[in-house]
Amino acid sequence: MLWTILIILVVLWLLGFIGHFGGNLIHVLIVVAVIILIYNLVSGRRG
């Protein structure tokens, strides 16, 4: 589920570069997605 959300956010972020879709909001979302990804990888290795 988390990976699906991250992939969707990355695709929307790339579309933002092509068509200026979403403005600054999409950049904030990709930063949040990367933080969640890093947290997931770190917490997954501990468990």
Protein backbone atom coordinates (compact mmCIF):
# COMPACT_ATOMS: atom_id res chain seq x y z
CA MET A 1 0.00 0.00 0.00
CA LEU A 2 2.76 2.44 0.95
CA TRP A 3 4.72 1.64 -2.21
CA THR A 4 1.64 2.33 -4.35
CA ILE A 5 1.19 5.75 -2.77
CA LEU A 6 4.87 6.55 -3.26
CA ILE A 7 4.76 5.54 -6.91
CA ILE A 8 1.66 7.68 -7.51
CA LEU A 9 3.33 10.67 -5.85
CA VAL A 10 6.49 10.25 -7.93
CA VAL A 11 4.44 10.07 -11.14
CA LEU A 12 2.50 13.20 -10.18
CA TRP A 13 5.77 14.93 -9.32
CA LEU A 14 7.22 14.09 -12.74
CA LEU A 15 4.03 15.32 -14.40
CA GLY A 16 4.48 18.55 -12.45
CA PHE A 17 7.78 19.14 -14.23
CA ILE A 18 6.22 18.48 -17.63
CA GLY A 19 2.94 20.37 -17.33
CA HIS A 20 3.34 22.52 -14.19
CA PHE A 21 0.63 20.42 -12.55
CA GLY A 22 -0.07 21.16 -8.90
CA GLY A 23 2.42 23.96 -8.35
CA ASN A 24 4.44 23.86 -5.13
CA LEU A 25 2.08 21.39 -3.47
CA ILE A 26 3.41 18.50 -5.52
CA HIS A 27 6.97 19.27 -4.40
CA VAL A 28 5.87 19.21 -0.78
CA LEU A 29 4.16 15.86 -1.38
CA ILE A 30 7.28 14.32 -2.92
CA VAL A 31 9.37 15.46 0.06
CA VAL A 32 6.83 13.85 2.40
CA ALA A 33 6.90 10.68 0.28
CA VAL A 34 10.69 10.49 0.46
CA ILE A 35 10.64 10.99 4.24
CA ILE A 36 8.06 8.20 4.60
CA LEU A 37 10.14 5.96 2.32
CA ILE A 38 13.31 6.53 4.37
CA TYR A 39 11.43 5.94 7.62
CA ASN A 40 9.94 2.73 6.23
CA LEU A 41 13.32 1.42 5.14
CA VAL A 42 14.99 2.27 8.46
CA SER A 43 12.20 0.85 10.63
CA GLY A 44 11.99 -2.25 8.42
CA ARG A 45 15.64 -3.08 8.99
CA ARG A 46 15.32 -2.74 12.77
CA GLY A 47 12.37 -5.12 12.91
